[in-house]
Amino acid sequence: MNFLISLHKIGKLAEPAIVMAQIEHYDFQKQVRGLEINANLEDPLEVSRLFEYGKLLKSKGMILQLHSPHGFSKLYNETIKLDAYLSIYNRLAQDFGQPLSVTIHPVESHQKEKARYHTLKLITRLHSICELNGYPLTFTLENLNLNRSRLDTNGIRPIILGSDVNFCWDIGHEVFENNCSYNIDPNLCANLNNVHIHDIDQSDHYPFRFDKTDYVKAIEFLYKIRYKQSVVVEINMDYLSGQSWSEKIMDYISQVYTLSNVYDYLQAEMGRVI
């Protein structure tokens, strides 16, 4: 199981080299295996920093994952725009030296069937662009929540099982929907290649301070199904403790340790049982 942290609004953060140095400084247990980055592809500064992060992560042998920017899913009918975005990711993948995974959101609609139709259209278009141009990209569809007019896990299930797309299970979104089973359909487990986890309060992407997300149950389930891929601790930097970026990074690392300690305990105590 690889623990990653999520970064967005990277143009407002410190320089990538400084952020990475802070992560390395505070991550004395070396639990952070990489980053999932959400960059605004219309912002030259954020695109430039995305490539900087790619170079730094490659040099350190760390994982790079991508999260599509705000409004990406609305482009399901705009091939030219999608190709422009994917060409940036392609150049990044070429520099990084390996295929990259891109997490995408379902298309928003108050009508569930319409949302599914347009989401499937988006996925088909993305695959077509990549196949035509030889872009080494894969796509992972994330569950959102119905109160935002977006498809939840049940809503995207037919898409996941009926197409060539992976599943990103956002556990915090499940909790926000009052679904606290910390369990998913075994058929979806076969397509699971990314997990997002965070606490919730009045909204989502909070640190684990509100006792809404039972991260112990979540990690226990992932351990039980022998999940070995990415677990992204997805927290809004504004909600982390501290005034400086350095203090916020320190708090972010502590959130990762909250989960990794549970996983290490399971490995030590239950390794011979499960």
C-alpha atoms as a PDB file:
ATOM      1  CA  MET A   1       0.000   0.000   0.000  1.00  0.00           C
ATOM      2  CA  ASN A   2       1.508   3.301  -1.123  1.00  0.00           C
ATOM      3  CA  PHE A   3       0.540   6.445   0.778  1.00  0.00           C
ATOM      4  CA  LEU A   4       0.474   9.645  -1.275  1.00  0.00           C
ATOM      5  CA  ILE A   5      -0.536  13.201  -0.517  1.00  0.00           C
ATOM      6  CA  SER A   6      -2.632  15.396  -2.781  1.00  0.00           C
ATOM      7  CA  LEU A   7      -1.609  18.865  -3.941  1.00  0.00           C
ATOM      8  CA  HIS A   8      -3.834  21.388  -5.690  1.00  0.00           C
ATOM      9  CA  LYS A   9      -3.544  25.126  -6.365  1.00  0.00           C
ATOM     10  CA  ILE A  10       0.163  24.477  -6.790  1.00  0.00           C
ATOM     11  CA  GLY A  11       0.710  27.988  -8.108  1.00  0.00           C
ATOM     12  CA  LYS A  12      -0.028  29.322  -4.621  1.00  0.00           C
ATOM     13  CA  LEU A  13       2.292  26.913  -2.835  1.00  0.00           C
ATOM     14  CA  ALA A  14       6.008  27.346  -2.364  1.00  0.00           C
ATOM     15  CA  GLU A  15       8.350  26.334  -5.179  1.00  0.00           C
ATOM     16  CA  PRO A  16       8.206  22.563  -5.882  1.00  0.00           C
ATOM     17  CA  ALA A  17      11.789  22.056  -4.708  1.00  0.00           C
ATOM     18  CA  ILE A  18      10.933  23.699  -1.378  1.00  0.00           C
ATOM     19  CA  VAL A  19       7.723  21.692  -0.955  1.00  0.00           C
ATOM     20  CA  MET A  20       9.544  18.442  -1.699  1.00  0.00           C
ATOM     21  CA  ALA A  21      12.348  19.382   0.703  1.00  0.00           C
ATOM     22  CA  GLN A  22       9.778  20.042   3.429  1.00  0.00           C
ATOM     23  CA  ILE A  23       8.083  16.698   2.787  1.00  0.00           C
ATOM     24  CA  GLU A  24      11.416  14.884   3.013  1.00  0.00           C
ATOM     25  CA  HIS A  25      12.392  16.774   6.150  1.00  0.00           C
ATOM     26  CA  TYR A  26       9.240  15.960   8.114  1.00  0.00           C
ATOM     27  CA  ASP A  27       8.661  12.485   6.678  1.00  0.00           C
ATOM     28  CA  PHE A  28      11.330  10.863   8.829  1.00  0.00           C
ATOM     29  CA  GLN A  29       9.638   7.449   8.516  1.00  0.00           C
ATOM     30  CA  LYS A  30       9.606   7.728   4.700  1.00  0.00           C
ATOM     31  CA  GLN A  31       5.905   6.906   4.454  1.00  0.00           C
ATOM     32  CA  VAL A  32       5.000   9.350   1.667  1.00  0.00           C
ATOM     33  CA  ARG A  33       5.626   7.447  -1.569  1.00  0.00           C
ATOM     34  CA  GLY A  34       4.511  10.154  -3.983  1.00  0.00           C
ATOM     35  CA  LEU A  35       2.073  12.874  -4.965  1.00  0.00           C
ATOM     36  CA  GLU A  36      -1.241  13.169  -6.730  1.00  0.00           C
ATOM     37  CA  ILE A  37      -1.304  16.601  -8.344  1.00  0.00           C
ATOM     38  CA  ASN A  38      -4.272  18.637  -9.525  1.00  0.00           C
ATOM     39  CA  ALA A  39      -2.882  21.401 -11.736  1.00  0.00           C
ATOM     40  CA  ASN A  40      -4.789  24.119 -13.554  1.00  0.00           C
ATOM     41  CA  LEU A  41      -3.768  23.370 -17.137  1.00  0.00           C
ATOM     42  CA  GLU A  42      -4.825  26.868 -18.239  1.00  0.00           C
ATOM     43  CA  ASP A  43      -2.308  28.472 -15.880  1.00  0.00           C
ATOM     44  CA  PRO A  44       1.269  28.572 -17.279  1.00  0.00           C
ATOM     45  CA  LEU A  45       2.743  28.756 -13.771  1.00  0.00           C
ATOM     46  CA  GLU A  46       0.881  25.662 -12.611  1.00  0.00           C
ATOM     47  CA  VAL A  47       1.818  23.748 -15.786  1.00  0.00           C
ATOM     48  CA  SER A  48       5.465  24.714 -15.312  1.00  0.00           C
ATOM     49  CA  ARG A  49       5.371  23.610 -11.683  1.00  0.00           C
ATOM     50  CA  LEU A  50       3.666  20.349 -12.630  1.00  0.00           C
ATOM     51  CA  PHE A  51       6.666  19.513 -14.819  1.00  0.00           C
ATOM     52  CA  GLU A  52       9.018  20.530 -12.003  1.00  0.00           C
ATOM     53  CA  TYR A  53       7.254  18.135  -9.652  1.00  0.00           C
ATOM     54  CA  GLY A  54       7.537  15.424 -12.292  1.00  0.00           C
ATOM     55  CA  LYS A  55      11.307  15.859 -12.521  1.00  0.00           C
ATOM     56  CA  LEU A  56      11.730  15.917  -8.746  1.00  0.00           C
ATOM     57  CA  LEU A  57       9.574  12.845  -8.167  1.00  0.00           C
ATOM     58  CA  LYS A  58      11.349  10.925 -10.924  1.00  0.00           C
ATOM     59  CA  SER A  59      14.764  11.778  -9.468  1.00  0.00           C
ATOM     60  CA  LYS A  60      13.646  10.473  -6.083  1.00  0.00           C
ATOM     61  CA  GLY A  61      11.975   7.321  -7.413  1.00  0.00           C
ATOM     62  CA  MET A  62       8.591   8.450  -6.140  1.00  0.00           C
ATOM     63  CA  ILE A  63       5.088   8.017  -7.573  1.00  0.00           C
ATOM     64  CA  LEU A  64       3.344  10.680  -9.664  1.00  0.00           C
ATOM     65  CA  GLN A  65      -0.405  10.575 -10.192  1.00  0.00           C
ATOM     66  CA  LEU A  66      -2.617  13.193 -11.803  1.00  0.00           C
ATOM     67  CA  HIS A  67      -6.021  14.557 -10.908  1.00  0.00           C
ATOM     68  CA  SER A  68      -7.901  16.286 -13.708  1.00  0.00           C
ATOM     69  CA  PRO A  69      -8.539  20.011 -13.159  1.00  0.00           C
ATOM     70  CA  HIS A  70     -11.830  21.680 -12.309  1.00  0.00           C
ATOM     71  CA  GLY A  71     -14.273  21.608 -15.225  1.00  0.00           C
ATOM     72  CA  PHE A  72     -12.471  18.774 -17.028  1.00  0.00           C
ATOM     73  CA  SER A  73     -15.517  16.488 -17.089  1.00  0.00           C
ATOM     74  CA  LYS A  74     -17.629  19.208 -18.740  1.00  0.00           C
ATOM     75  CA  LEU A  75     -15.489  18.863 -21.875  1.00  0.00           C
ATOM     76  CA  TYR A  76     -17.012  15.537 -22.956  1.00  0.00           C
ATOM     77  CA  ASN A  77     -18.018  17.059 -26.325  1.00  0.00           C
ATOM     78  CA  GLU A  78     -14.837  19.098 -26.867  1.00  0.00           C
ATOM     79  CA  THR A  79     -12.231  16.867 -28.482  1.00  0.00           C
ATOM     80  CA  ILE A  80      -9.814  19.700 -29.310  1.00  0.00           C
ATOM     81  CA  LYS A  81      -9.777  20.982 -25.739  1.00  0.00           C
ATOM     82  CA  LEU A  82      -9.407  17.508 -24.273  1.00  0.00           C
ATOM     83  CA  ASP A  83      -6.542  16.759 -26.657  1.00  0.00           C
ATOM     84  CA  ALA A  84      -4.802  19.976 -25.586  1.00  0.00           C
ATOM     85  CA  TYR A  85      -5.005  18.902 -21.946  1.00  0.00           C
ATOM     86  CA  LEU A  86      -3.958  15.316 -22.639  1.00  0.00           C
ATOM     87  CA  SER A  87      -1.006  16.483 -24.739  1.00  0.00           C
ATOM     88  CA  ILE A  88       0.340  18.238 -21.627  1.00  0.00           C
ATOM     89  CA  TYR A  89      -0.062  15.038 -19.614  1.00  0.00           C
ATOM     90  CA  ASN A  90       1.584  13.115 -22.458  1.00  0.00           C
ATOM     91  CA  ARG A  91       4.665  15.362 -22.381  1.00  0.00           C
ATOM     92  CA  LEU A  92       4.798  14.921 -18.630  1.00  0.00           C
ATOM     93  CA  ALA A  93       4.575  11.124 -18.994  1.00  0.00           C
ATOM     94  CA  GLN A  94       7.359  11.186 -21.596  1.00  0.00           C
ATOM     95  CA  ASP A  95       9.571  13.199 -19.229  1.00  0.00           C
ATOM     96  CA  PHE A  96       8.659  10.971 -16.310  1.00  0.00           C
ATOM     97  CA  GLY A  97       9.469   7.875 -18.331  1.00  0.00           C
ATOM     98  CA  GLN A  98       6.343   5.847 -17.644  1.00  0.00           C
ATOM     99  CA  PRO A  99       2.563   5.878 -18.163  1.00  0.00           C
ATOM    100  CA  LEU A 100       0.581   8.113 -15.841  1.00  0.00           C
ATOM    101  CA  SER A 101      -2.803   7.587 -14.218  1.00  0.00           C
ATOM    102  CA  VAL A 102      -5.331  10.423 -14.390  1.00  0.00           C
ATOM    103  CA  THR A 103      -8.255  10.544 -11.956  1.00  0.00           C
ATOM    104  CA  ILE A 104     -11.381  12.052 -13.487  1.00  0.00           C
ATOM    105  CA  HIS A 105     -14.819  13.004 -12.137  1.00  0.00           C
ATOM    106  CA  PRO A 106     -18.198  11.904 -13.502  1.00  0.00           C
ATOM    107  CA  VAL A 107     -20.121  14.448 -15.554  1.00  0.00           C
ATOM    108  CA  GLU A 108     -22.558  16.498 -13.519  1.00  0.00           C
ATOM    109  CA  SER A 109     -26.314  16.182 -14.149  1.00  0.00           C
ATOM    110  CA  HIS A 110     -29.470  16.060 -12.045  1.00  0.00           C
ATOM    111  CA  GLN A 111     -30.547  13.080 -14.174  1.00  0.00           C
ATOM    112  CA  LYS A 112     -28.575   9.963 -13.277  1.00  0.00           C
ATOM    113  CA  GLU A 113     -28.911   8.258 -16.659  1.00  0.00           C
ATOM    114  CA  LYS A 114     -27.865  11.442 -18.459  1.00  0.00           C
ATOM    115  CA  ALA A 115     -24.854  11.758 -16.160  1.00  0.00           C
ATOM    116  CA  ARG A 116     -23.870   8.148 -16.908  1.00  0.00           C
ATOM    117  CA  TYR A 117     -24.295   8.646 -20.658  1.00  0.00           C
ATOM    118  CA  HIS A 118     -22.159  11.768 -20.761  1.00  0.00           C
ATOM    119  CA  THR A 119     -19.533  10.259 -18.432  1.00  0.00           C
ATOM    120  CA  LEU A 120     -19.231   7.210 -20.671  1.00  0.00           C
ATOM    121  CA  LYS A 121     -18.973   9.566 -23.649  1.00  0.00           C
ATOM    122  CA  LEU A 122     -16.122  11.396 -21.883  1.00  0.00           C
ATOM    123  CA  ILE A 123     -14.278   8.161 -21.157  1.00  0.00           C
ATOM    124  CA  THR A 124     -14.700   6.909 -24.723  1.00  0.00           C
ATOM    125  CA  ARG A 125     -13.389  10.212 -26.103  1.00  0.00           C
ATOM    126  CA  LEU A 126     -10.377  10.173 -23.766  1.00  0.00           C
ATOM    127  CA  HIS A 127      -9.475   6.624 -24.769  1.00  0.00           C
ATOM    128  CA  SER A 128      -9.877   7.474 -28.458  1.00  0.00           C
ATOM    129  CA  ILE A 129      -7.566  10.495 -28.186  1.00  0.00           C
ATOM    130  CA  CYS A 130      -4.932   8.452 -26.365  1.00  0.00           C
ATOM    131  CA  GLU A 131      -5.141   5.556 -28.813  1.00  0.00           C
ATOM    132  CA  LEU A 132      -4.943   7.850 -31.851  1.00  0.00           C
ATOM    133  CA  ASN A 133      -1.946   9.793 -30.512  1.00  0.00           C
ATOM    134  CA  GLY A 134      -0.207   7.078 -28.531  1.00  0.00           C
ATOM    135  CA  TYR A 135      -0.554   8.920 -25.229  1.00  0.00           C
ATOM    136  CA  PRO A 136       0.600   6.646 -22.349  1.00  0.00           C
ATOM    137  CA  LEU A 137      -2.270   7.610 -20.041  1.00  0.00           C
ATOM    138  CA  THR A 138      -4.839   5.596 -18.108  1.00  0.00           C
ATOM    139  CA  PHE A 139      -8.020   6.949 -16.531  1.00  0.00           C
ATOM    140  CA  THR A 140      -9.584   6.319 -13.160  1.00  0.00           C
ATOM    141  CA  LEU A 141     -13.183   7.330 -12.404  1.00  0.00           C
ATOM    142  CA  GLU A 142     -13.871   8.707  -8.924  1.00  0.00           C
ATOM    143  CA  ASN A 143     -17.143   8.432  -7.024  1.00  0.00           C
ATOM    144  CA  LEU A 144     -18.561  11.754  -5.883  1.00  0.00           C
ATOM    145  CA  ASN A 145     -21.846  12.386  -4.098  1.00  0.00           C
ATOM    146  CA  LEU A 146     -25.447  12.865  -5.110  1.00  0.00           C
ATOM    147  CA  ASN A 147     -26.035  16.051  -3.148  1.00  0.00           C
ATOM    148  CA  ARG A 148     -23.701  17.731  -5.625  1.00  0.00           C
ATOM    149  CA  SER A 149     -25.591  16.290  -8.606  1.00  0.00           C
ATOM    150  CA  ARG A 150     -22.680  13.940  -9.250  1.00  0.00           C
ATOM    151  CA  LEU A 151     -22.679  10.168  -9.455  1.00  0.00           C
ATOM    152  CA  ASP A 152     -21.806   8.219  -6.301  1.00  0.00           C
ATOM    153  CA  THR A 153     -20.295   4.739  -6.173  1.00  0.00           C
ATOM    154  CA  ASN A 154     -23.526   3.002  -7.126  1.00  0.00           C
ATOM    155  CA  GLY A 155     -24.019   5.526  -9.886  1.00  0.00           C
ATOM    156  CA  ILE A 156     -20.668   4.861 -11.565  1.00  0.00           C
ATOM    157  CA  ARG A 157     -20.708   1.096 -10.955  1.00  0.00           C
ATOM    158  CA  PRO A 158     -22.246   0.227 -14.377  1.00  0.00           C
ATOM    159  CA  ILE A 159     -19.637   2.427 -16.084  1.00  0.00           C
ATOM    160  CA  ILE A 160     -16.719   0.844 -14.239  1.00  0.00           C
ATOM    161  CA  LEU A 161     -17.898  -2.694 -14.926  1.00  0.00           C
ATOM    162  CA  GLY A 162     -18.861  -1.989 -18.540  1.00  0.00           C
ATOM    163  CA  SER A 163     -15.841  -0.075 -19.828  1.00  0.00           C
ATOM    164  CA  ASP A 164     -12.055  -0.011 -19.805  1.00  0.00           C
ATOM    165  CA  VAL A 165     -11.714   2.391 -16.876  1.00  0.00           C
ATOM    166  CA  ASN A 166     -10.373   1.977 -13.362  1.00  0.00           C
ATOM    167  CA  PHE A 167     -12.058   2.921 -10.104  1.00  0.00           C
ATOM    168  CA  CYS A 168     -10.944   5.587  -7.628  1.00  0.00           C
ATOM    169  CA  TRP A 169     -12.775   4.978  -4.365  1.00  0.00           C
ATOM    170  CA  ASP A 170     -13.138   8.199  -2.405  1.00  0.00           C
ATOM    171  CA  ILE A 171     -14.001   7.023   1.091  1.00  0.00           C
ATOM    172  CA  GLY A 172     -14.627  10.538   2.386  1.00  0.00           C
ATOM    173  CA  HIS A 173     -17.290  11.047  -0.270  1.00  0.00           C
ATOM    174  CA  GLU A 174     -18.951   7.815   0.851  1.00  0.00           C
ATOM    175  CA  VAL A 175     -19.056   9.071   4.431  1.00  0.00           C
ATOM    176  CA  PHE A 176     -20.451  12.395   3.257  1.00  0.00           C
ATOM    177  CA  GLU A 177     -23.285  10.357   1.688  1.00  0.00           C
ATOM    178  CA  ASN A 178     -23.858   8.664   5.090  1.00  0.00           C
ATOM    179  CA  ASN A 179     -22.556   5.404   3.645  1.00  0.00           C
ATOM    180  CA  CYS A 180     -20.283   4.178   6.421  1.00  0.00           C
ATOM    181  CA  SER A 181     -20.026   0.511   5.469  1.00  0.00           C
ATOM    182  CA  TYR A 182     -16.358   0.885   4.418  1.00  0.00           C
ATOM    183  CA  ASN A 183     -17.021  -1.854   1.917  1.00  0.00           C
ATOM    184  CA  ILE A 184     -17.457  -2.026  -1.840  1.00  0.00           C
ATOM    185  CA  ASP A 185     -18.810  -4.522  -4.353  1.00  0.00           C
ATOM    186  CA  PRO A 186     -16.216  -7.286  -4.897  1.00  0.00           C
ATOM    187  CA  ASN A 187     -16.566  -6.726  -8.648  1.00  0.00           C
ATOM    188  CA  LEU A 188     -15.407  -3.144  -8.190  1.00  0.00           C
ATOM    189  CA  CYS A 189     -12.385  -4.319  -6.212  1.00  0.00           C
ATOM    190  CA  ALA A 190     -10.978  -5.829  -9.396  1.00  0.00           C
ATOM    191  CA  ASN A 191     -10.929  -2.353 -10.991  1.00  0.00           C
ATOM    192  CA  LEU A 192      -9.760  -0.495  -7.869  1.00  0.00           C
ATOM    193  CA  ASN A 193      -6.417   1.210  -8.467  1.00  0.00           C
ATOM    194  CA  ASN A 194      -6.681   4.386  -6.404  1.00  0.00           C
ATOM    195  CA  VAL A 195      -8.174   5.388  -3.041  1.00  0.00           C
ATOM    196  CA  HIS A 196      -8.847   8.851  -1.665  1.00  0.00           C
ATOM    197  CA  ILE A 197      -9.396   9.284   2.057  1.00  0.00           C
ATOM    198  CA  HIS A 198     -10.039  12.296   4.289  1.00  0.00           C
ATOM    199  CA  ASP A 199     -12.275  13.392   7.123  1.00  0.00           C
ATOM    200  CA  ILE A 200     -15.401  15.494   6.702  1.00  0.00           C
ATOM    201  CA  ASP A 201     -17.098  18.274   8.601  1.00  0.00           C
ATOM    202  CA  GLN A 202     -19.434  20.729   6.904  1.00  0.00           C
ATOM    203  CA  SER A 203     -17.743  19.723   3.661  1.00  0.00           C
ATOM    204  CA  ASP A 204     -15.011  17.259   2.713  1.00  0.00           C
ATOM    205  CA  HIS A 205     -11.199  17.069   2.468  1.00  0.00           C
ATOM    206  CA  TYR A 206     -10.559  17.761   6.152  1.00  0.00           C
ATOM    207  CA  PRO A 207      -7.774  16.341   8.366  1.00  0.00           C
ATOM    208  CA  PHE A 208      -8.680  13.416  10.631  1.00  0.00           C
ATOM    209  CA  ARG A 209      -9.904  15.496  13.555  1.00  0.00           C
ATOM    210  CA  PHE A 210     -13.680  15.255  13.365  1.00  0.00           C
ATOM    211  CA  ASP A 211     -14.118  11.481  13.878  1.00  0.00           C
ATOM    212  CA  LYS A 212     -16.501  11.222  10.935  1.00  0.00           C
ATOM    213  CA  THR A 213     -14.338   8.991   8.755  1.00  0.00           C
ATOM    214  CA  ASP A 214     -13.397   5.740  10.488  1.00  0.00           C
ATOM    215  CA  TYR A 215      -9.976   5.395   8.925  1.00  0.00           C
ATOM    216  CA  VAL A 216      -9.241   2.237  10.936  1.00  0.00           C
ATOM    217  CA  LYS A 217     -12.169   0.408   9.325  1.00  0.00           C
ATOM    218  CA  ALA A 218     -11.143   1.786   5.940  1.00  0.00           C
ATOM    219  CA  ILE A 219      -7.553   0.557   6.178  1.00  0.00           C
ATOM    220  CA  GLU A 220      -8.721  -2.776   7.613  1.00  0.00           C
ATOM    221  CA  PHE A 221     -10.947  -3.307   4.566  1.00  0.00           C
ATOM    222  CA  LEU A 222      -8.164  -2.386   2.141  1.00  0.00           C
ATOM    223  CA  TYR A 223      -5.807  -4.705   3.978  1.00  0.00           C
ATOM    224  CA  LYS A 224      -8.351  -7.516   3.888  1.00  0.00           C
ATOM    225  CA  ILE A 225      -8.781  -7.307   0.110  1.00  0.00           C
ATOM    226  CA  ARG A 226      -4.967  -7.171  -0.217  1.00  0.00           C
ATOM    227  CA  TYR A 227      -5.042  -3.772  -1.854  1.00  0.00           C
ATOM    228  CA  LYS A 228      -1.467  -2.772  -2.724  1.00  0.00           C
ATOM    229  CA  GLN A 229      -1.793   0.406  -4.758  1.00  0.00           C
ATOM    230  CA  SER A 230      -2.199   4.110  -3.930  1.00  0.00           C
ATOM    231  CA  VAL A 231      -3.986   5.566  -0.925  1.00  0.00           C
ATOM    232  CA  VAL A 232      -4.113   9.336  -1.396  1.00  0.00           C
ATOM    233  CA  VAL A 233      -4.576  11.412   1.741  1.00  0.00           C
ATOM    234  CA  GLU A 234      -6.601  14.176   0.097  1.00  0.00           C
ATOM    235  CA  ILE A 235      -6.747  17.222   2.363  1.00  0.00           C
ATOM    236  CA  ASN A 236      -7.336  20.872   1.543  1.00  0.00           C
ATOM    237  CA  MET A 237      -4.203  22.757   2.613  1.00  0.00           C
ATOM    238  CA  ASP A 238      -6.381  25.536   4.039  1.00  0.00           C
ATOM    239  CA  TYR A 239      -7.739  23.110   6.662  1.00  0.00           C
ATOM    240  CA  LEU A 240      -4.335  21.981   7.916  1.00  0.00           C
ATOM    241  CA  SER A 241      -2.875  23.397  11.128  1.00  0.00           C
ATOM    242  CA  GLY A 242      -0.237  26.099  11.028  1.00  0.00           C
ATOM    243  CA  GLN A 243       0.334  29.499   9.490  1.00  0.00           C
ATOM    244  CA  SER A 244       3.324  28.689   7.283  1.00  0.00           C
ATOM    245  CA  TRP A 245       3.559  26.128   4.480  1.00  0.00           C
ATOM    246  CA  SER A 246       6.200  24.338   6.508  1.00  0.00           C
ATOM    247  CA  GLU A 247       3.799  23.907   9.439  1.00  0.00           C
ATOM    248  CA  LYS A 248       1.033  22.762   7.119  1.00  0.00           C
ATOM    249  CA  ILE A 249       3.284  20.178   5.476  1.00  0.00           C
ATOM    250  CA  MET A 250       4.233  18.930   8.949  1.00  0.00           C
ATOM    251  CA  ASP A 251       0.535  18.477   9.758  1.00  0.00           C
ATOM    252  CA  TYR A 252      -0.072  16.804   6.378  1.00  0.00           C
ATOM    253  CA  ILE A 253       2.670  14.260   7.091  1.00  0.00           C
ATOM    254  CA  SER A 254       1.106  13.544  10.495  1.00  0.00           C
ATOM    255  CA  GLN A 255      -2.167  12.704   8.721  1.00  0.00           C
ATOM    256  CA  VAL A 256      -0.316  10.172   6.574  1.00  0.00           C
ATOM    257  CA  TYR A 257       1.239   8.626   9.684  1.00  0.00           C
ATOM    258  CA  THR A 258      -2.219   8.276  11.227  1.00  0.00           C
ATOM    259  CA  LEU A 259      -3.066   5.849   8.406  1.00  0.00           C
ATOM    260  CA  SER A 260       0.305   4.206   7.926  1.00  0.00           C
ATOM    261  CA  ASN A 261       0.503   3.308  11.619  1.00  0.00           C
ATOM    262  CA  VAL A 262      -2.794   1.421  11.298  1.00  0.00           C
ATOM    263  CA  TYR A 263      -1.490  -0.409   8.243  1.00  0.00           C
ATOM    264  CA  ASP A 264       1.806  -1.285   9.944  1.00  0.00           C
ATOM    265  CA  TYR A 265      -0.108  -2.628  12.954  1.00  0.00           C
ATOM    266  CA  LEU A 266      -2.252  -4.835  10.715  1.00  0.00           C
ATOM    267  CA  GLN A 267       0.809  -6.175   8.977  1.00  0.00           C
ATOM    268  CA  ALA A 268       2.474  -6.971  12.281  1.00  0.00           C
ATOM    269  CA  GLU A 269      -0.544  -8.435  14.104  1.00  0.00           C
ATOM    270  CA  MET A 270      -2.644  -9.985  11.344  1.00  0.00           C
ATOM    271  CA  GLY A 271      -0.148 -10.876   8.669  1.00  0.00           C
ATOM    272  CA  ARG A 272      -0.450 -14.574   9.369  1.00  0.00           C
ATOM    273  CA  VAL A 273      -4.243 -14.517   9.581  1.00  0.00           C
ATOM    274  CA  ILE A 274      -5.483 -12.642   6.493  1.00  0.00           C
END
